[in-house]
Amino acid sequence: MKPLTGRIITTNNTNNTNNTSTSNNSGSKNEYRTKEERVAELIPVLIKIRDLGISEEFEGYAKFLSVVRDFINNGTTLSGVIKVPEIGREFAYLFNNKKKFKIDIVLKKS
């Protein structure tokens, strides 16, 4: 496997529009990602990780997938670092369900 360093896996929210509204509930309807939006943003990242040869056989990656599933199912804001010592890497992640924040996953040397 080719050595990886720095920020390699990121999803960006492309819906960052500056929407001004005169209604009393401006923006509250679309403030949070739906479950479908969370899935749509994370599936391509998980495919990239799989393409790197990282699988659930690695305990750290299995833990990371558990965090991903929790975020997808519940929309809970989560952040942390999970080490995958079998490959000398760690996943640093920031999952925020608010659309104005990007979802960020970094695979870096540990």
N, C-alpha and C. Protein backbone atom coordinates (compact mmCIF):
# COMPACT_ATOMS: atom_id res chain seq x y z
N MET A 1 0.84 -1.17 0.00
CA MET A 1 0.00 0.00 0.00
C MET A 1 0.89 1.23 0.00
N LYS A 2 0.54 2.20 -0.81
CA LYS A 2 1.29 3.44 -0.94
C LYS A 2 1.16 4.27 0.34
N PRO A 3 2.26 4.84 0.87
CA PRO A 3 2.16 5.65 2.08
C PRO A 3 1.29 6.88 1.86
N LEU A 4 0.49 7.20 2.85
CA LEU A 4 -0.41 8.33 2.76
C LEU A 4 -0.10 9.31 3.88
N THR A 5 -0.09 10.56 3.56
CA THR A 5 0.13 11.58 4.58
C THR A 5 -0.82 12.74 4.33
N GLY A 6 -1.07 13.47 5.38
CA GLY A 6 -1.88 14.68 5.25
C GLY A 6 -3.34 14.41 4.99
N ARG A 7 -4.02 15.43 4.59
CA ARG A 7 -5.46 15.37 4.33
C ARG A 7 -5.69 14.72 2.99
N ILE A 8 -6.28 13.55 3.01
CA ILE A 8 -6.49 12.86 1.74
C ILE A 8 -7.95 12.60 1.44
N ILE A 9 -8.78 12.55 2.46
CA ILE A 9 -10.17 12.18 2.23
C ILE A 9 -11.05 13.26 2.85
N THR A 10 -11.76 13.98 2.01
CA THR A 10 -12.60 15.06 2.50
C THR A 10 -13.86 15.13 1.66
N THR A 11 -14.96 15.43 2.30
CA THR A 11 -16.17 15.74 1.55
C THR A 11 -16.48 17.19 1.83
N ASN A 12 -16.89 17.89 0.82
CA ASN A 12 -17.26 19.29 0.98
C ASN A 12 -18.74 19.45 0.74
N ASN A 13 -19.34 20.30 1.51
CA ASN A 13 -20.74 20.62 1.31
C ASN A 13 -20.83 21.66 0.21
N THR A 14 -21.44 21.32 -0.89
CA THR A 14 -21.52 22.23 -2.03
C THR A 14 -22.75 23.11 -1.98
N ASN A 15 -23.54 22.98 -0.94
CA ASN A 15 -24.76 23.78 -0.83
C ASN A 15 -24.57 24.99 0.07
N ASN A 16 -23.39 25.55 0.11
CA ASN A 16 -23.13 26.72 0.94
C ASN A 16 -23.56 27.98 0.23
N THR A 17 -24.83 28.22 0.21
CA THR A 17 -25.35 29.43 -0.42
C THR A 17 -25.74 30.40 0.67
N ASN A 18 -25.62 31.66 0.38
CA ASN A 18 -25.99 32.68 1.34
C ASN A 18 -27.43 33.06 1.07
N ASN A 19 -28.35 32.38 1.71
CA ASN A 19 -29.77 32.54 1.45
C ASN A 19 -30.36 33.51 2.46
N THR A 20 -30.88 34.63 1.97
CA THR A 20 -31.54 35.58 2.85
C THR A 20 -33.02 35.48 2.62
N SER A 21 -33.75 35.51 3.70
CA SER A 21 -35.19 35.34 3.61
C SER A 21 -35.86 36.31 4.57
N THR A 22 -37.08 36.70 4.26
CA THR A 22 -37.80 37.62 5.11
C THR A 22 -38.75 36.90 6.05
N SER A 23 -38.84 35.59 5.96
CA SER A 23 -39.74 34.85 6.84
C SER A 23 -39.13 34.74 8.23
N ASN A 24 -39.97 34.47 9.21
CA ASN A 24 -39.52 34.36 10.61
C ASN A 24 -38.65 33.13 10.84
N ASN A 25 -38.81 32.08 10.05
CA ASN A 25 -38.07 30.84 10.21
C ASN A 25 -37.00 30.71 9.14
N SER A 26 -36.29 31.76 8.85
CA SER A 26 -35.33 31.75 7.74
C SER A 26 -34.25 30.69 7.95
N GLY A 27 -34.17 29.77 7.01
CA GLY A 27 -33.12 28.77 7.01
C GLY A 27 -33.33 27.60 7.95
N SER A 28 -34.28 27.66 8.85
CA SER A 28 -34.41 26.58 9.84
C SER A 28 -34.86 25.27 9.19
N LYS A 29 -35.58 25.35 8.08
CA LYS A 29 -36.08 24.14 7.43
C LYS A 29 -34.93 23.31 6.85
N ASN A 30 -33.89 23.96 6.34
CA ASN A 30 -32.81 23.25 5.68
C ASN A 30 -31.49 23.34 6.43
N GLU A 31 -31.55 23.58 7.72
CA GLU A 31 -30.33 23.77 8.50
C GLU A 31 -29.56 22.47 8.72
N TYR A 32 -30.24 21.34 8.81
CA TYR A 32 -29.60 20.07 9.12
C TYR A 32 -29.63 19.13 7.92
N ARG A 33 -28.61 18.25 7.84
CA ARG A 33 -28.57 17.23 6.80
C ARG A 33 -29.60 16.16 7.10
N THR A 34 -30.24 15.67 6.06
CA THR A 34 -31.13 14.53 6.22
C THR A 34 -30.28 13.26 6.25
N LYS A 35 -30.88 12.17 6.61
CA LYS A 35 -30.16 10.90 6.60
C LYS A 35 -29.67 10.59 5.19
N GLU A 36 -30.48 10.86 4.20
CA GLU A 36 -30.10 10.61 2.81
C GLU A 36 -28.89 11.46 2.41
N GLU A 37 -28.85 12.70 2.87
CA GLU A 37 -27.71 13.57 2.56
C GLU A 37 -26.44 13.08 3.25
N ARG A 38 -26.58 12.61 4.48
CA ARG A 38 -25.41 12.07 5.20
C ARG A 38 -24.86 10.85 4.46
N VAL A 39 -25.76 9.98 4.03
CA VAL A 39 -25.34 8.79 3.27
C VAL A 39 -24.65 9.21 1.98
N ALA A 40 -25.26 10.13 1.25
CA ALA A 40 -24.72 10.56 -0.04
C ALA A 40 -23.33 11.18 0.10
N GLU A 41 -23.06 11.86 1.21
CA GLU A 41 -21.74 12.46 1.41
C GLU A 41 -20.70 11.45 1.87
N LEU A 42 -21.10 10.45 2.62
CA LEU A 42 -20.13 9.52 3.20
C LEU A 42 -19.84 8.29 2.35
N ILE A 43 -20.78 7.83 1.56
CA ILE A 43 -20.55 6.63 0.75
C ILE A 43 -19.34 6.79 -0.18
N PRO A 44 -19.18 7.90 -0.91
CA PRO A 44 -17.99 8.03 -1.77
C PRO A 44 -16.68 7.98 -0.97
N VAL A 45 -16.69 8.51 0.22
CA VAL A 45 -15.49 8.48 1.06
C VAL A 45 -15.18 7.05 1.49
N LEU A 46 -16.20 6.31 1.88
CA LEU A 46 -16.00 4.92 2.29
C LEU A 46 -15.51 4.07 1.13
N ILE A 47 -15.96 4.38 -0.07
CA ILE A 47 -15.48 3.67 -1.26
C ILE A 47 -14.00 3.96 -1.49
N LYS A 48 -13.59 5.22 -1.31
CA LYS A 48 -12.17 5.58 -1.46
C LYS A 48 -11.32 4.83 -0.44
N ILE A 49 -11.81 4.74 0.78
CA ILE A 49 -11.07 4.03 1.83
C ILE A 49 -10.92 2.56 1.46
N ARG A 50 -12.01 1.95 0.99
CA ARG A 50 -11.96 0.55 0.57
C ARG A 50 -10.97 0.37 -0.58
N ASP A 51 -10.95 1.32 -1.51
CA ASP A 51 -10.03 1.25 -2.65
C ASP A 51 -8.57 1.34 -2.21
N LEU A 52 -8.32 1.89 -1.03
CA LEU A 52 -6.96 1.95 -0.48
C LEU A 52 -6.53 0.62 0.14
N GLY A 53 -7.46 -0.32 0.21
CA GLY A 53 -7.14 -1.63 0.77
C GLY A 53 -7.41 -1.74 2.26
N ILE A 54 -8.13 -0.79 2.80
CA ILE A 54 -8.45 -0.81 4.23
C ILE A 54 -9.81 -1.48 4.39
N SER A 55 -9.87 -2.48 5.28
CA SER A 55 -11.11 -3.23 5.44
C SER A 55 -11.46 -3.35 6.92
N GLU A 56 -12.63 -3.91 7.18
CA GLU A 56 -13.11 -4.10 8.54
C GLU A 56 -12.29 -5.14 9.31
N GLU A 57 -11.37 -5.81 8.63
CA GLU A 57 -10.47 -6.74 9.33
C GLU A 57 -9.62 -5.99 10.34
N PHE A 58 -9.38 -4.71 10.09
CA PHE A 58 -8.60 -3.88 11.00
C PHE A 58 -9.54 -3.35 12.08
N GLU A 59 -9.21 -3.62 13.33
CA GLU A 59 -10.09 -3.26 14.45
C GLU A 59 -10.40 -1.76 14.48
N GLY A 60 -9.41 -0.92 14.24
CA GLY A 60 -9.62 0.52 14.26
C GLY A 60 -10.59 0.97 13.19
N TYR A 61 -10.50 0.38 12.01
CA TYR A 61 -11.42 0.74 10.94
C TYR A 61 -12.83 0.28 11.26
N ALA A 62 -12.95 -0.88 11.89
CA ALA A 62 -14.28 -1.35 12.30
C ALA A 62 -14.90 -0.37 13.30
N LYS A 63 -14.09 0.16 14.23
CA LYS A 63 -14.58 1.17 15.17
C LYS A 63 -15.00 2.43 14.44
N PHE A 64 -14.19 2.84 13.46
CA PHE A 64 -14.51 4.03 12.67
C PHE A 64 -15.85 3.85 11.95
N LEU A 65 -16.06 2.68 11.37
CA LEU A 65 -17.33 2.42 10.68
C LEU A 65 -18.51 2.48 11.63
N SER A 66 -18.30 2.07 12.86
CA SER A 66 -19.35 2.16 13.87
C SER A 66 -19.72 3.63 14.13
N VAL A 67 -18.72 4.49 14.18
CA VAL A 67 -18.96 5.93 14.36
C VAL A 67 -19.69 6.49 13.14
N VAL A 68 -19.29 6.09 11.95
CA VAL A 68 -19.95 6.54 10.72
C VAL A 68 -21.42 6.13 10.74
N ARG A 69 -21.68 4.88 11.10
CA ARG A 69 -23.08 4.40 11.14
C ARG A 69 -23.90 5.20 12.15
N ASP A 70 -23.31 5.50 13.30
CA ASP A 70 -24.00 6.29 14.32
C ASP A 70 -24.35 7.67 13.76
N PHE A 71 -23.40 8.31 13.08
CA PHE A 71 -23.66 9.62 12.51
C PHE A 71 -24.74 9.54 11.43
N ILE A 72 -24.66 8.56 10.57
CA ILE A 72 -25.66 8.43 9.51
C ILE A 72 -27.05 8.21 10.11
N ASN A 73 -27.16 7.31 11.07
CA ASN A 73 -28.46 6.96 11.63
C ASN A 73 -29.05 8.02 12.54
N ASN A 74 -28.20 8.71 13.31
CA ASN A 74 -28.71 9.62 14.34
C ASN A 74 -28.42 11.10 14.08
N GLY A 75 -27.48 11.40 13.18
CA GLY A 75 -27.14 12.79 12.91
C GLY A 75 -26.43 13.47 14.06
N THR A 76 -25.85 12.68 14.95
CA THR A 76 -25.15 13.21 16.12
C THR A 76 -23.82 13.81 15.70
N THR A 77 -23.51 15.02 16.17
CA THR A 77 -22.21 15.63 15.90
C THR A 77 -21.15 14.84 16.66
N LEU A 78 -20.13 14.40 15.92
CA LEU A 78 -19.07 13.57 16.49
C LEU A 78 -17.72 14.02 15.97
N SER A 79 -16.70 13.91 16.80
CA SER A 79 -15.33 14.15 16.34
C SER A 79 -14.40 13.30 17.16
N GLY A 80 -13.25 12.99 16.59
CA GLY A 80 -12.29 12.19 17.32
C GLY A 80 -11.21 11.64 16.42
N VAL A 81 -10.39 10.80 17.02
CA VAL A 81 -9.30 10.14 16.31
C VAL A 81 -9.35 8.67 16.67
N ILE A 82 -9.28 7.80 15.67
CA ILE A 82 -9.26 6.36 15.89
C ILE A 82 -8.02 5.80 15.22
N LYS A 83 -7.18 5.16 16.00
CA LYS A 83 -5.93 4.59 15.48
C LYS A 83 -6.19 3.24 14.81
N VAL A 84 -5.46 3.02 13.72
CA VAL A 84 -5.48 1.74 13.02
C VAL A 84 -4.02 1.28 13.00
N PRO A 85 -3.55 0.67 14.10
CA PRO A 85 -2.14 0.34 14.21
C PRO A 85 -1.64 -0.68 13.18
N GLU A 86 -2.54 -1.49 12.66
CA GLU A 86 -2.14 -2.50 11.67
C GLU A 86 -1.53 -1.88 10.42
N ILE A 87 -1.90 -0.64 10.13
CA ILE A 87 -1.38 0.03 8.94
C ILE A 87 -0.62 1.32 9.29
N GLY A 88 -0.43 1.57 10.60
CA GLY A 88 0.31 2.75 11.03
C GLY A 88 -0.37 4.06 10.70
N ARG A 89 -1.68 4.07 10.71
CA ARG A 89 -2.47 5.25 10.36
C ARG A 89 -3.53 5.49 11.42
N GLU A 90 -4.17 6.64 11.32
CA GLU A 90 -5.30 6.94 12.18
C GLU A 90 -6.32 7.77 11.39
N PHE A 91 -7.57 7.58 11.74
CA PHE A 91 -8.65 8.36 11.15
C PHE A 91 -8.97 9.50 12.11
N ALA A 92 -8.85 10.71 11.63
CA ALA A 92 -9.33 11.88 12.37
C ALA A 92 -10.60 12.32 11.65
N TYR A 93 -11.66 12.53 12.40
CA TYR A 93 -12.94 12.83 11.76
C TYR A 93 -13.68 13.93 12.51
N LEU A 94 -14.48 14.64 11.75
CA LEU A 94 -15.37 15.66 12.29
C LEU A 94 -16.68 15.55 11.53
N PHE A 95 -17.70 15.07 12.20
CA PHE A 95 -19.02 14.91 11.61
C PHE A 95 -19.97 15.91 12.28
N ASN A 96 -20.45 16.86 11.52
CA ASN A 96 -21.40 17.83 12.04
C ASN A 96 -22.62 17.77 11.15
N ASN A 97 -23.78 17.67 11.75
CA ASN A 97 -25.01 17.51 10.98
C ASN A 97 -25.53 18.82 10.41
N LYS A 98 -25.02 19.95 10.85
CA LYS A 98 -25.45 21.23 10.29
C LYS A 98 -24.82 21.40 8.91
N LYS A 99 -25.63 21.82 7.96
CA LYS A 99 -25.17 21.94 6.58
C LYS A 99 -24.08 22.98 6.39
N LYS A 100 -24.04 23.96 7.27
CA LYS A 100 -23.04 25.02 7.07
C LYS A 100 -21.63 24.54 7.41
N PHE A 101 -21.50 23.37 8.02
CA PHE A 101 -20.19 22.79 8.33
C PHE A 101 -19.92 21.60 7.42
N LYS A 102 -18.68 21.45 7.01
CA LYS A 102 -18.34 20.30 6.16
C LYS A 102 -18.08 19.07 7.02
N ILE A 103 -18.25 17.93 6.40
CA ILE A 103 -17.88 16.66 7.00
C ILE A 103 -16.43 16.43 6.62
N ASP A 104 -15.60 16.10 7.59
CA ASP A 104 -14.17 15.99 7.32
C ASP A 104 -13.61 14.67 7.87
N ILE A 105 -12.88 13.97 7.02
CA ILE A 105 -12.21 12.73 7.40
C ILE A 105 -10.79 12.80 6.89
N VAL A 106 -9.85 12.57 7.79
CA VAL A 106 -8.44 12.60 7.40
C VAL A 106 -7.79 11.29 7.81
N LEU A 107 -7.08 10.67 6.89
CA LEU A 107 -6.31 9.47 7.17
C LEU A 107 -4.85 9.91 7.20
N LYS A 108 -4.23 9.81 8.38
CA LYS A 108 -2.85 10.29 8.50
C LYS A 108 -1.99 9.30 9.23
N LYS A 109 -0.67 9.48 9.11
CA LYS A 109 0.27 8.62 9.82
C LYS A 109 0.10 8.81 11.31
N SER A 110 0.18 7.70 12.05
CA SER A 110 0.08 7.81 13.50
C SER A 110 1.43 7.79 14.16
